[in-house]
Amino acid sequence: VQLVESGGGLVQAGGSLRLSCAASGIGFSMYRMGWYRQPPGNQRELVAEITPGGGNTRYADSVKGRFTISRDNVQRTLFLQMNSLQPEDTAVYFCKADIAPPYVYWGQGTQVTVSS
């Protein structure tokens, strides 16, 4: 199983980034997918998640209205469009694939840094 994130980088406050997570080795369309982040010195926290068919999404209050999670089950890829980025969004961003324990998988993470 591999989840490979990409799209992170350095951006100024107010800017945008689009993260991708390419999945292999799993039945992607069967998995609930999520984006999590871990700011420096803090615990990993949920950013957004999406149901297997893409019909339902859930967001952390801190990103509602700014971030959009989506998925392409044909391309086996998860996305996170991040707009109006702020310095407090600086973190390592991880994607997660989840059906039920023990079938929970994580990517290696991608760094997002927002400068003020």
PDB file of N, CA and C in Angstrom:
ATOM      1  N   VAL A   1       0.846  -1.188   0.000  1.00  0.00           N
ATOM      2  CA  VAL A   1       0.000   0.000   0.000  1.00  0.00           C
ATOM      3  C   VAL A   1       0.883   1.240   0.000  1.00  0.00           C
ATOM      4  N   GLN A   2       0.571   2.167  -0.882  1.00  0.00           N
ATOM      5  CA  GLN A   2       1.313   3.430  -0.919  1.00  0.00           C
ATOM      6  C   GLN A   2       0.358   4.598  -1.057  1.00  0.00           C
ATOM      7  N   LEU A   3       0.569   5.603  -0.209  1.00  0.00           N
ATOM      8  CA  LEU A   3      -0.100   6.885  -0.344  1.00  0.00           C
ATOM      9  C   LEU A   3       1.003   7.929  -0.467  1.00  0.00           C
ATOM     10  N   VAL A   4       1.036   8.629  -1.575  1.00  0.00           N
ATOM     11  CA  VAL A   4       2.118   9.572  -1.841  1.00  0.00           C
ATOM     12  C   VAL A   4       1.539  10.969  -2.023  1.00  0.00           C
ATOM     13  N   GLU A   5       1.853  11.837  -1.052  1.00  0.00           N
ATOM     14  CA  GLU A   5       1.382  13.213  -1.127  1.00  0.00           C
ATOM     15  C   GLU A   5       2.342  14.061  -1.957  1.00  0.00           C
ATOM     16  N   SER A   6       1.795  15.083  -2.567  1.00  0.00           N
ATOM     17  CA  SER A   6       2.599  16.052  -3.305  1.00  0.00           C
ATOM     18  C   SER A   6       1.848  17.374  -3.319  1.00  0.00           C
ATOM     19  N   GLY A   7       2.573  18.429  -3.719  1.00  0.00           N
ATOM     20  CA  GLY A   7       1.941  19.735  -3.871  1.00  0.00           C
ATOM     21  C   GLY A   7       2.230  20.721  -2.759  1.00  0.00           C
ATOM     22  N   GLY A   8       2.933  20.285  -1.729  1.00  0.00           N
ATOM     23  CA  GLY A   8       3.273  21.201  -0.663  1.00  0.00           C
ATOM     24  C   GLY A   8       4.338  22.190  -1.111  1.00  0.00           C
ATOM     25  N   GLY A   9       4.618  23.162  -0.240  1.00  0.00           N
ATOM     26  CA  GLY A   9       5.637  24.141  -0.563  1.00  0.00           C
ATOM     27  C   GLY A   9       5.520  25.366   0.304  1.00  0.00           C
ATOM     28  N   LEU A  10       6.205  26.416  -0.128  1.00  0.00           N
ATOM     29  CA  LEU A  10       6.219  27.699   0.574  1.00  0.00           C
ATOM     30  C   LEU A  10       5.330  28.676  -0.185  1.00  0.00           C
ATOM     31  N   VAL A  11       4.424  29.328   0.543  1.00  0.00           N
ATOM     32  CA  VAL A  11       3.507  30.275  -0.075  1.00  0.00           C
ATOM     33  C   VAL A  11       3.296  31.439   0.866  1.00  0.00           C
ATOM     34  N   GLN A  12       3.017  32.599   0.324  1.00  0.00           N
ATOM     35  CA  GLN A  12       2.728  33.758   1.155  1.00  0.00           C
ATOM     36  C   GLN A  12       1.294  33.707   1.671  1.00  0.00           C
ATOM     37  N   ALA A  13       1.063  34.372   2.773  1.00  0.00           N
ATOM     38  CA  ALA A  13      -0.286  34.457   3.331  1.00  0.00           C
ATOM     39  C   ALA A  13      -1.248  35.005   2.277  1.00  0.00           C
ATOM     40  N   GLY A  14      -2.403  34.374   2.207  1.00  0.00           N
ATOM     41  CA  GLY A  14      -3.391  34.741   1.202  1.00  0.00           C
ATOM     42  C   GLY A  14      -3.305  33.921  -0.068  1.00  0.00           C
ATOM     43  N   GLY A  15      -2.244  33.150  -0.202  1.00  0.00           N
ATOM     44  CA  GLY A  15      -2.042  32.346  -1.396  1.00  0.00           C
ATOM     45  C   GLY A  15      -2.777  31.021  -1.356  1.00  0.00           C
ATOM     46  N   SER A  16      -2.545  30.223  -2.382  1.00  0.00           N
ATOM     47  CA  SER A  16      -3.236  28.936  -2.535  1.00  0.00           C
ATOM     48  C   SER A  16      -2.245  27.830  -2.858  1.00  0.00           C
ATOM     49  N   LEU A  17      -2.605  26.637  -2.476  1.00  0.00           N
ATOM     50  CA  LEU A  17      -1.893  25.419  -2.852  1.00  0.00           C
ATOM     51  C   LEU A  17      -2.918  24.323  -3.081  1.00  0.00           C
ATOM     52  N   ARG A  18      -2.548  23.362  -3.921  1.00  0.00           N
ATOM     53  CA  ARG A  18      -3.386  22.182  -4.124  1.00  0.00           C
ATOM     54  C   ARG A  18      -2.553  20.953  -3.845  1.00  0.00           C
ATOM     55  N   LEU A  19      -2.954  20.211  -2.823  1.00  0.00           N
ATOM     56  CA  LEU A  19      -2.279  18.971  -2.468  1.00  0.00           C
ATOM     57  C   LEU A  19      -2.930  17.809  -3.188  1.00  0.00           C
ATOM     58  N   SER A  20      -2.102  16.813  -3.520  1.00  0.00           N
ATOM     59  CA  SER A  20      -2.589  15.568  -4.107  1.00  0.00           C
ATOM     60  C   SER A  20      -2.062  14.400  -3.299  1.00  0.00           C
ATOM     61  N   CYS A  21      -2.831  13.322  -3.318  1.00  0.00           N
ATOM     62  CA  CYS A  21      -2.410  12.078  -2.668  1.00  0.00           C
ATOM     63  C   CYS A  21      -2.742  10.946  -3.621  1.00  0.00           C
ATOM     64  N   ALA A  22      -1.705  10.345  -4.181  1.00  0.00           N
ATOM     65  CA  ALA A  22      -1.886   9.246  -5.129  1.00  0.00           C
ATOM     66  C   ALA A  22      -1.828   7.920  -4.382  1.00  0.00           C
ATOM     67  N   ALA A  23      -2.832   7.087  -4.574  1.00  0.00           N
ATOM     68  CA  ALA A  23      -2.942   5.825  -3.855  1.00  0.00           C
ATOM     69  C   ALA A  23      -2.668   4.641  -4.775  1.00  0.00           C
ATOM     70  N   SER A  24      -2.008   3.643  -4.219  1.00  0.00           N
ATOM     71  CA  SER A  24      -1.817   2.386  -4.930  1.00  0.00           C
ATOM     72  C   SER A  24      -1.852   1.251  -3.915  1.00  0.00           C
ATOM     73  N   GLY A  25      -2.233   0.067  -4.388  1.00  0.00           N
ATOM     74  CA  GLY A  25      -2.245  -1.091  -3.513  1.00  0.00           C
ATOM     75  C   GLY A  25      -3.498  -1.241  -2.677  1.00  0.00           C
ATOM     76  N   ILE A  26      -4.489  -0.358  -2.865  1.00  0.00           N
ATOM     77  CA  ILE A  26      -5.746  -0.478  -2.144  1.00  0.00           C
ATOM     78  C   ILE A  26      -6.906  -0.272  -3.109  1.00  0.00           C
ATOM     79  N   GLY A  27      -8.074  -0.774  -2.739  1.00  0.00           N
ATOM     80  CA  GLY A  27      -9.281  -0.481  -3.488  1.00  0.00           C
ATOM     81  C   GLY A  27      -9.739   0.919  -3.138  1.00  0.00           C
ATOM     82  N   PHE A  28      -9.153   1.896  -3.792  1.00  0.00           N
ATOM     83  CA  PHE A  28      -9.295   3.293  -3.393  1.00  0.00           C
ATOM     84  C   PHE A  28     -10.748   3.702  -3.198  1.00  0.00           C
ATOM     85  N   SER A  29     -11.611   3.286  -4.098  1.00  0.00           N
ATOM     86  CA  SER A  29     -13.000   3.741  -4.055  1.00  0.00           C
ATOM     87  C   SER A  29     -13.777   3.187  -2.870  1.00  0.00           C
ATOM     88  N   MET A  30     -13.188   2.251  -2.147  1.00  0.00           N
ATOM     89  CA  MET A  30     -13.846   1.674  -0.975  1.00  0.00           C
ATOM     90  C   MET A  30     -13.489   2.404   0.315  1.00  0.00           C
ATOM     91  N   TYR A  31     -12.477   3.256   0.240  1.00  0.00           N
ATOM     92  CA  TYR A  31     -11.925   3.860   1.445  1.00  0.00           C
ATOM     93  C   TYR A  31     -12.439   5.278   1.690  1.00  0.00           C
ATOM     94  N   ARG A  32     -12.753   5.551   2.940  1.00  0.00           N
ATOM     95  CA  ARG A  32     -12.898   6.931   3.355  1.00  0.00           C
ATOM     96  C   ARG A  32     -11.497   7.531   3.356  1.00  0.00           C
ATOM     97  N   MET A  33     -11.379   8.741   2.853  1.00  0.00           N
ATOM     98  CA  MET A  33     -10.085   9.395   2.751  1.00  0.00           C
ATOM     99  C   MET A  33     -10.100  10.690   3.542  1.00  0.00           C
ATOM    100  N   GLY A  34      -8.937  11.040   4.065  1.00  0.00           N
ATOM    101  CA  GLY A  34      -8.863  12.260   4.843  1.00  0.00           C
ATOM    102  C   GLY A  34      -7.524  12.943   4.708  1.00  0.00           C
ATOM    103  N   TRP A  35      -7.530  14.227   4.981  1.00  0.00           N
ATOM    104  CA  TRP A  35      -6.310  15.018   5.123  1.00  0.00           C
ATOM    105  C   TRP A  35      -6.177  15.407   6.594  1.00  0.00           C
ATOM    106  N   TYR A  36      -4.988  15.208   7.108  1.00  0.00           N
ATOM    107  CA  TYR A  36      -4.639  15.600   8.467  1.00  0.00           C
ATOM    108  C   TYR A  36      -3.414  16.494   8.391  1.00  0.00           C
ATOM    109  N   ARG A  37      -3.168  17.240   9.443  1.00  0.00           N
ATOM    110  CA  ARG A  37      -1.960  18.047   9.490  1.00  0.00           C
ATOM    111  C   ARG A  37      -1.369  18.029  10.885  1.00  0.00           C
ATOM    112  N   GLN A  38      -0.058  18.238  10.936  1.00  0.00           N
ATOM    113  CA  GLN A  38       0.653  18.287  12.208  1.00  0.00           C
ATOM    114  C   GLN A  38       1.512  19.534  12.227  1.00  0.00           C
ATOM    115  N   PRO A  39       1.047  20.579  12.928  1.00  0.00           N
ATOM    116  CA  PRO A  39       1.853  21.791  13.039  1.00  0.00           C
ATOM    117  C   PRO A  39       3.081  21.533  13.902  1.00  0.00           C
ATOM    118  N   PRO A  40       4.099  22.358  13.799  1.00  0.00           N
ATOM    119  CA  PRO A  40       5.301  22.164  14.607  1.00  0.00           C
ATOM    120  C   PRO A  40       4.969  22.132  16.097  1.00  0.00           C
ATOM    121  N   GLY A  41       5.420  21.087  16.772  1.00  0.00           N
ATOM    122  CA  GLY A  41       5.226  20.974  18.205  1.00  0.00           C
ATOM    123  C   GLY A  41       3.819  20.626  18.644  1.00  0.00           C
ATOM    124  N   ASN A  42       2.974  20.247  17.693  1.00  0.00           N
ATOM    125  CA  ASN A  42       1.603  19.931  18.042  1.00  0.00           C
ATOM    126  C   ASN A  42       1.202  18.541  17.544  1.00  0.00           C
ATOM    127  N   GLN A  43       0.036  18.115  17.988  1.00  0.00           N
ATOM    128  CA  GLN A  43      -0.452  16.796  17.586  1.00  0.00           C
ATOM    129  C   GLN A  43      -1.081  16.871  16.195  1.00  0.00           C
ATOM    130  N   ARG A  44      -1.168  15.707  15.578  1.00  0.00           N
ATOM    131  CA  ARG A  44      -1.825  15.601  14.276  1.00  0.00           C
ATOM    132  C   ARG A  44      -3.319  15.859  14.458  1.00  0.00           C
ATOM    133  N   GLU A  45      -3.894  16.603  13.527  1.00  0.00           N
ATOM    134  CA  GLU A  45      -5.306  16.965  13.628  1.00  0.00           C
ATOM    135  C   GLU A  45      -5.998  16.782  12.277  1.00  0.00           C
ATOM    136  N   LEU A  46      -7.288  16.485  12.361  1.00  0.00           N
ATOM    137  CA  LEU A  46      -8.075  16.334  11.146  1.00  0.00           C
ATOM    138  C   LEU A  46      -8.249  17.684  10.459  1.00  0.00           C
ATOM    139  N   VAL A  47      -8.065  17.690   9.142  1.00  0.00           N
ATOM    140  CA  VAL A  47      -8.349  18.867   8.331  1.00  0.00           C
ATOM    141  C   VAL A  47      -9.681  18.674   7.601  1.00  0.00           C
ATOM    142  N   ALA A  48      -9.795  17.545   6.894  1.00  0.00           N
ATOM    143  CA  ALA A  48     -11.011  17.287   6.118  1.00  0.00           C
ATOM    144  C   ALA A  48     -11.060  15.806   5.791  1.00  0.00           C
ATOM    145  N   GLU A  49     -12.275  15.299   5.600  1.00  0.00           N
ATOM    146  CA  GLU A  49     -12.415  13.935   5.159  1.00  0.00           C
ATOM    147  C   GLU A  49     -13.571  13.822   4.190  1.00  0.00           C
ATOM    148  N   ILE A  50     -13.554  12.705   3.412  1.00  0.00           N
ATOM    149  CA  ILE A  50     -14.535  12.525   2.350  1.00  0.00           C
ATOM    150  C   ILE A  50     -14.903  11.053   2.294  1.00  0.00           C
ATOM    151  N   THR A  51     -16.181  10.787   2.062  1.00  0.00           N
ATOM    152  CA  THR A  51     -16.665   9.414   2.015  1.00  0.00           C
ATOM    153  C   THR A  51     -16.207   8.717   0.739  1.00  0.00           C
ATOM    154  N   PRO A  52     -16.304   7.384   0.693  1.00  0.00           N
ATOM    155  CA  PRO A  52     -15.778   6.652  -0.460  1.00  0.00           C
ATOM    156  C   PRO A  52     -16.322   7.135  -1.802  1.00  0.00           C
ATOM    157  N   GLY A  53     -17.605   7.433  -1.890  1.00  0.00           N
ATOM    158  CA  GLY A  53     -18.183   7.886  -3.144  1.00  0.00           C
ATOM    159  C   GLY A  53     -18.014   9.366  -3.395  1.00  0.00           C
ATOM    160  N   GLY A  54     -17.528  10.098  -2.400  1.00  0.00           N
ATOM    161  CA  GLY A  54     -17.322  11.541  -2.547  1.00  0.00           C
ATOM    162  C   GLY A  54     -18.536  12.386  -2.243  1.00  0.00           C
ATOM    163  N   GLY A  55     -19.624  11.746  -1.802  1.00  0.00           N
ATOM    164  CA  GLY A  55     -20.856  12.506  -1.617  1.00  0.00           C
ATOM    165  C   GLY A  55     -20.933  13.319  -0.341  1.00  0.00           C
ATOM    166  N   ASN A  56     -20.103  12.963   0.630  1.00  0.00           N
ATOM    167  CA  ASN A  56     -20.140  13.675   1.908  1.00  0.00           C
ATOM    168  C   ASN A  56     -18.746  14.073   2.329  1.00  0.00           C
ATOM    169  N   THR A  57     -18.635  15.280   2.863  1.00  0.00           N
ATOM    170  CA  THR A  57     -17.359  15.792   3.326  1.00  0.00           C
ATOM    171  C   THR A  57     -17.524  16.405   4.717  1.00  0.00           C
ATOM    172  N   ARG A  58     -16.406  16.500   5.396  1.00  0.00           N
ATOM    173  CA  ARG A  58     -16.404  17.106   6.736  1.00  0.00           C
ATOM    174  C   ARG A  58     -15.110  17.878   6.883  1.00  0.00           C
ATOM    175  N   TYR A  59     -15.198  19.064   7.521  1.00  0.00           N
ATOM    176  CA  TYR A  59     -14.044  19.936   7.655  1.00  0.00           C
ATOM    177  C   TYR A  59     -13.849  20.374   9.104  1.00  0.00           C
ATOM    178  N   ALA A  60     -12.587  20.610   9.436  1.00  0.00           N
ATOM    179  CA  ALA A  60     -12.291  21.281  10.696  1.00  0.00           C
ATOM    180  C   ALA A  60     -12.818  22.713  10.606  1.00  0.00           C
ATOM    181  N   ASP A  61     -13.279  23.243  11.727  1.00  0.00           N
ATOM    182  CA  ASP A  61     -13.837  24.601  11.731  1.00  0.00           C
ATOM    183  C   ASP A  61     -12.822  25.619  11.218  1.00  0.00           C
ATOM    184  N   SER A  62     -11.545  25.375  11.488  1.00  0.00           N
ATOM    185  CA  SER A  62     -10.508  26.340  11.147  1.00  0.00           C
ATOM    186  C   SER A  62     -10.289  26.476   9.640  1.00  0.00           C
ATOM    187  N   VAL A  63     -10.763  25.512   8.850  1.00  0.00           N
ATOM    188  CA  VAL A  63     -10.523  25.561   7.406  1.00  0.00           C
ATOM    189  C   VAL A  63     -11.802  25.678   6.592  1.00  0.00           C
ATOM    190  N   LYS A  64     -12.941  25.639   7.236  1.00  0.00           N
ATOM    191  CA  LYS A  64     -14.220  25.728   6.513  1.00  0.00           C
ATOM    192  C   LYS A  64     -14.279  27.016   5.691  1.00  0.00           C
ATOM    193  N   GLY A  65     -14.709  26.855   4.451  1.00  0.00           N
ATOM    194  CA  GLY A  65     -14.812  28.005   3.561  1.00  0.00           C
ATOM    195  C   GLY A  65     -13.525  28.357   2.847  1.00  0.00           C
ATOM    196  N   ARG A  66     -12.410  27.752   3.261  1.00  0.00           N
ATOM    197  CA  ARG A  66     -11.117  28.022   2.621  1.00  0.00           C
ATOM    198  C   ARG A  66     -10.543  26.799   1.905  1.00  0.00           C
ATOM    199  N   PHE A  67     -10.770  25.626   2.465  1.00  0.00           N
ATOM    200  CA  PHE A  67     -10.227  24.387   1.921  1.00  0.00           C
ATOM    201  C   PHE A  67     -11.355  23.546   1.329  1.00  0.00           C
ATOM    202  N   THR A  68     -11.025  22.801   0.279  1.00  0.00           N
ATOM    203  CA  THR A  68     -11.981  21.892  -0.348  1.00  0.00           C
ATOM    204  C   THR A  68     -11.317  20.554  -0.597  1.00  0.00           C
ATOM    205  N   ILE A  69     -11.925  19.499  -0.062  1.00  0.00           N
ATOM    206  CA  ILE A  69     -11.437  18.149  -0.298  1.00  0.00           C
ATOM    207  C   ILE A  69     -12.232  17.534  -1.445  1.00  0.00           C
ATOM    208  N   SER A  70     -11.544  16.771  -2.282  1.00  0.00           N
ATOM    209  CA  SER A  70     -12.217  16.076  -3.381  1.00  0.00           C
ATOM    210  C   SER A  70     -11.419  14.825  -3.717  1.00  0.00           C
ATOM    211  N   ARG A  71     -12.005  13.977  -4.540  1.00  0.00           N
ATOM    212  CA  ARG A  71     -11.331  12.744  -4.910  1.00  0.00           C
ATOM    213  C   ARG A  71     -11.710  12.355  -6.324  1.00  0.00           C
ATOM    214  N   ASP A  72     -10.814  11.635  -6.958  1.00  0.00           N
ATOM    215  CA  ASP A  72     -11.043  11.063  -8.283  1.00  0.00           C
ATOM    216  C   ASP A  72     -10.827   9.571  -8.158  1.00  0.00           C
ATOM    217  N   ASN A  73     -11.922   8.822  -8.090  1.00  0.00           N
ATOM    218  CA  ASN A  73     -11.792   7.378  -7.860  1.00  0.00           C
ATOM    219  C   ASN A  73     -11.245   6.640  -9.083  1.00  0.00           C
ATOM    220  N   VAL A  74     -11.360   7.229 -10.247  1.00  0.00           N
ATOM    221  CA  VAL A  74     -10.777   6.608 -11.436  1.00  0.00           C
ATOM    222  C   VAL A  74      -9.258   6.760 -11.401  1.00  0.00           C
ATOM    223  N   GLN A  75      -8.797   7.960 -11.066  1.00  0.00           N
ATOM    224  CA  GLN A  75      -7.359   8.217 -10.984  1.00  0.00           C
ATOM    225  C   GLN A  75      -6.768   7.814  -9.634  1.00  0.00           C
ATOM    226  N   ARG A  76      -7.623   7.369  -8.692  1.00  0.00           N
ATOM    227  CA  ARG A  76      -7.159   6.919  -7.375  1.00  0.00           C
ATOM    228  C   ARG A  76      -6.365   8.028  -6.671  1.00  0.00           C
ATOM    229  N   THR A  77      -6.899   9.217  -6.721  1.00  0.00           N
ATOM    230  CA  THR A  77      -6.195  10.370  -6.170  1.00  0.00           C
ATOM    231  C   THR A  77      -7.129  11.207  -5.303  1.00  0.00           C
ATOM    232  N   LEU A  78      -6.578  11.666  -4.212  1.00  0.00           N
ATOM    233  CA  LEU A  78      -7.259  12.565  -3.285  1.00  0.00           C
ATOM    234  C   LEU A  78      -6.659  13.951  -3.428  1.00  0.00           C
ATOM    235  N   PHE A  79      -7.495  14.988  -3.300  1.00  0.00           N
ATOM    236  CA  PHE A  79      -7.023  16.356  -3.448  1.00  0.00           C
ATOM    237  C   PHE A  79      -7.434  17.197  -2.243  1.00  0.00           C
ATOM    238  N   LEU A  80      -6.661  18.260  -2.027  1.00  0.00           N
ATOM    239  CA  LEU A  80      -7.041  19.282  -1.062  1.00  0.00           C
ATOM    240  C   LEU A  80      -6.688  20.637  -1.667  1.00  0.00           C
ATOM    241  N   GLN A  81      -7.700  21.388  -2.044  1.00  0.00           N
ATOM    242  CA  GLN A  81      -7.497  22.748  -2.529  1.00  0.00           C
ATOM    243  C   GLN A  81      -7.510  23.675  -1.321  1.00  0.00           C
ATOM    244  N   MET A  82      -6.421  24.402  -1.151  1.00  0.00           N
ATOM    245  CA  MET A  82      -6.277  25.280   0.003  1.00  0.00           C
ATOM    246  C   MET A  82      -6.155  26.719  -0.480  1.00  0.00           C
ATOM    247  N   ASN A  83      -7.128  27.534  -0.118  1.00  0.00           N
ATOM    248  CA  ASN A  83      -7.135  28.939  -0.489  1.00  0.00           C
ATOM    249  C   ASN A  83      -7.027  29.814   0.752  1.00  0.00           C
ATOM    250  N   SER A  84      -6.694  31.064   0.537  1.00  0.00           N
ATOM    251  CA  SER A  84      -6.576  32.030   1.646  1.00  0.00           C
ATOM    252  C   SER A  84      -5.722  31.472   2.777  1.00  0.00           C
ATOM    253  N   LEU A  85      -4.586  30.924   2.419  1.00  0.00           N
ATOM    254  CA  LEU A  85      -3.714  30.304   3.422  1.00  0.00           C
ATOM    255  C   LEU A  85      -3.186  31.335   4.399  1.00  0.00           C
ATOM    256  N   GLN A  86      -3.057  30.900   5.644  1.00  0.00           N
ATOM    257  CA  GLN A  86      -2.574  31.743   6.725  1.00  0.00           C
ATOM    258  C   GLN A  86      -1.373  31.074   7.398  1.00  0.00           C
ATOM    259  N   PRO A  87      -0.538  31.850   8.090  1.00  0.00           N
ATOM    260  CA  PRO A  87       0.622  31.247   8.753  1.00  0.00           C
ATOM    261  C   PRO A  87       0.247  30.095   9.679  1.00  0.00           C
ATOM    262  N   GLU A  88      -0.917  30.143  10.287  1.00  0.00           N
ATOM    263  CA  GLU A  88      -1.326  29.058  11.194  1.00  0.00           C
ATOM    264  C   GLU A  88      -1.673  27.772  10.450  1.00  0.00           C
ATOM    265  N   ASP A  89      -1.715  27.813   9.124  1.00  0.00           N
ATOM    266  CA  ASP A  89      -1.902  26.597   8.337  1.00  0.00           C
ATOM    267  C   ASP A  89      -0.584  25.857   8.113  1.00  0.00           C
ATOM    268  N   THR A  90       0.517  26.452   8.536  1.00  0.00           N
ATOM    269  CA  THR A  90       1.820  25.802   8.383  1.00  0.00           C
ATOM    270  C   THR A  90       1.850  24.484   9.143  1.00  0.00           C
ATOM    271  N   ALA A  91       2.189  23.408   8.438  1.00  0.00           N
ATOM    272  CA  ALA A  91       2.177  22.070   9.034  1.00  0.00           C
ATOM    273  C   ALA A  91       2.671  21.071   7.997  1.00  0.00           C
ATOM    274  N   VAL A  92       2.911  19.860   8.468  1.00  0.00           N
ATOM    275  CA  VAL A  92       3.067  18.733   7.555  1.00  0.00           C
ATOM    276  C   VAL A  92       1.673  18.154   7.328  1.00  0.00           C
ATOM    277  N   TYR A  93       1.298  17.990   6.083  1.00  0.00           N
ATOM    278  CA  TYR A  93      -0.025  17.501   5.716  1.00  0.00           C
ATOM    279  C   TYR A  93       0.081  16.041   5.282  1.00  0.00           C
ATOM    280  N   PHE A  94      -0.794  15.226   5.854  1.00  0.00           N
ATOM    281  CA  PHE A  94      -0.801  13.784   5.592  1.00  0.00           C
ATOM    282  C   PHE A  94      -2.149  13.373   5.012  1.00  0.00           C
ATOM    283  N   CYS A  95      -2.131  12.398   4.118  1.00  0.00           N
ATOM    284  CA  CYS A  95      -3.393  11.796   3.719  1.00  0.00           C
ATOM    285  C   CYS A  95      -3.540  10.440   4.411  1.00  0.00           C
ATOM    286  N   LYS A  96      -4.781  10.068   4.614  1.00  0.00           N
ATOM    287  CA  LYS A  96      -5.128   8.851   5.339  1.00  0.00           C
ATOM    288  C   LYS A  96      -6.217   8.114   4.585  1.00  0.00           C
ATOM    289  N   ALA A  97      -6.050   6.813   4.477  1.00  0.00           N
ATOM    290  CA  ALA A  97      -7.057   5.937   3.888  1.00  0.00           C
ATOM    291  C   ALA A  97      -7.577   5.023   4.985  1.00  0.00           C
ATOM    292  N   ASP A  98      -8.880   4.889   5.059  1.00  0.00           N
ATOM    293  CA  ASP A  98      -9.477   4.231   6.227  1.00  0.00           C
ATOM    294  C   ASP A  98     -10.740   3.486   5.811  1.00  0.00           C
ATOM    295  N   ILE A  99     -10.776   2.183   6.127  1.00  0.00           N
ATOM    296  CA  ILE A  99     -12.055   1.475   6.096  1.00  0.00           C
ATOM    297  C   ILE A  99     -12.467   1.210   7.528  1.00  0.00           C
ATOM    298  N   ALA A 100     -11.645   0.465   8.226  1.00  0.00           N
ATOM    299  CA  ALA A 100     -11.858   0.163   9.639  1.00  0.00           C
ATOM    300  C   ALA A 100     -10.578  -0.497  10.104  1.00  0.00           C
ATOM    301  N   PRO A 101     -10.229  -0.357  11.387  1.00  0.00           N
ATOM    302  CA  PRO A 101      -9.009  -1.008  11.862  1.00  0.00           C
ATOM    303  C   PRO A 101      -9.024  -2.500  11.528  1.00  0.00           C
ATOM    304  N   PRO A 102      -7.888  -3.077  11.126  1.00  0.00           N
ATOM    305  CA  PRO A 102      -6.567  -2.473  10.992  1.00  0.00           C
ATOM    306  C   PRO A 102      -6.286  -1.859   9.637  1.00  0.00           C
ATOM    307  N   TYR A 103      -7.317  -1.686   8.814  1.00  0.00           N
ATOM    308  CA  TYR A 103      -7.099  -1.206   7.449  1.00  0.00           C
ATOM    309  C   TYR A 103      -7.107   0.322   7.434  1.00  0.00           C
ATOM    310  N   VAL A 104      -6.047   0.865   8.001  1.00  0.00           N
ATOM    311  CA  VAL A 104      -5.843   2.311   8.070  1.00  0.00           C
ATOM    312  C   VAL A 104      -4.427   2.576   7.592  1.00  0.00           C
ATOM    313  N   TYR A 105      -4.294   3.477   6.615  1.00  0.00           N
ATOM    314  CA  TYR A 105      -2.984   3.732   6.011  1.00  0.00           C
ATOM    315  C   TYR A 105      -2.723   5.230   5.944  1.00  0.00           C
ATOM    316  N   TRP A 106      -1.431   5.576   6.086  1.00  0.00           N
ATOM    317  CA  TRP A 106      -1.004   6.975   6.069  1.00  0.00           C
ATOM    318  C   TRP A 106       0.053   7.182   4.995  1.00  0.00           C
ATOM    319  N   GLY A 107       0.066   8.384   4.439  1.00  0.00           N
ATOM    320  CA  GLY A 107       1.162   8.795   3.587  1.00  0.00           C
ATOM    321  C   GLY A 107       2.317   9.318   4.419  1.00  0.00           C
ATOM    322  N   GLN A 108       3.373   9.721   3.729  1.00  0.00           N
ATOM    323  CA  GLN A 108       4.585  10.165   4.420  1.00  0.00           C
ATOM    324  C   GLN A 108       4.546  11.654   4.758  1.00  0.00           C
ATOM    325  N   GLY A 109       3.612  12.375   4.178  1.00  0.00           N
ATOM    326  CA  GLY A 109       3.446  13.787   4.499  1.00  0.00           C
ATOM    327  C   GLY A 109       4.110  14.717   3.509  1.00  0.00           C
ATOM    328  N   THR A 110       3.567  15.930   3.420  1.00  0.00           N
ATOM    329  CA  THR A 110       4.151  16.976   2.594  1.00  0.00           C
ATOM    330  C   THR A 110       4.104  18.286   3.378  1.00  0.00           C
ATOM    331  N   GLN A 111       5.199  19.022   3.341  1.00  0.00           N
ATOM    332  CA  GLN A 111       5.311  20.237   4.145  1.00  0.00           C
ATOM    333  C   GLN A 111       4.617  21.407   3.449  1.00  0.00           C
ATOM    334  N   VAL A 112       3.804  22.112   4.215  1.00  0.00           N
ATOM    335  CA  VAL A 112       3.203  23.364   3.765  1.00  0.00           C
ATOM    336  C   VAL A 112       3.669  24.461   4.713  1.00  0.00           C
ATOM    337  N   THR A 113       4.280  25.490   4.163  1.00  0.00           N
ATOM    338  CA  THR A 113       4.758  26.611   4.961  1.00  0.00           C
ATOM    339  C   THR A 113       4.155  27.897   4.401  1.00  0.00           C
ATOM    340  N   VAL A 114       3.493  28.643   5.277  1.00  0.00           N
ATOM    341  CA  VAL A 114       2.848  29.893   4.883  1.00  0.00           C
ATOM    342  C   VAL A 114       3.564  31.038   5.591  1.00  0.00           C
ATOM    343  N   SER A 115       4.133  31.927   4.818  1.00  0.00           N
ATOM    344  CA  SER A 115       4.857  33.061   5.389  1.00  0.00           C
ATOM    345  C   SER A 115       3.932  34.272   5.505  1.00  0.00           C
ATOM    346  N   SER A 116       4.190  35.072   6.528  1.00  0.00           N
ATOM    347  CA  SER A 116       3.338  36.249   6.772  1.00  0.00           C
ATOM    348  C   SER A 116       3.844  37.460   6.015  1.00  0.00           C
TER     349      SER A 116
END
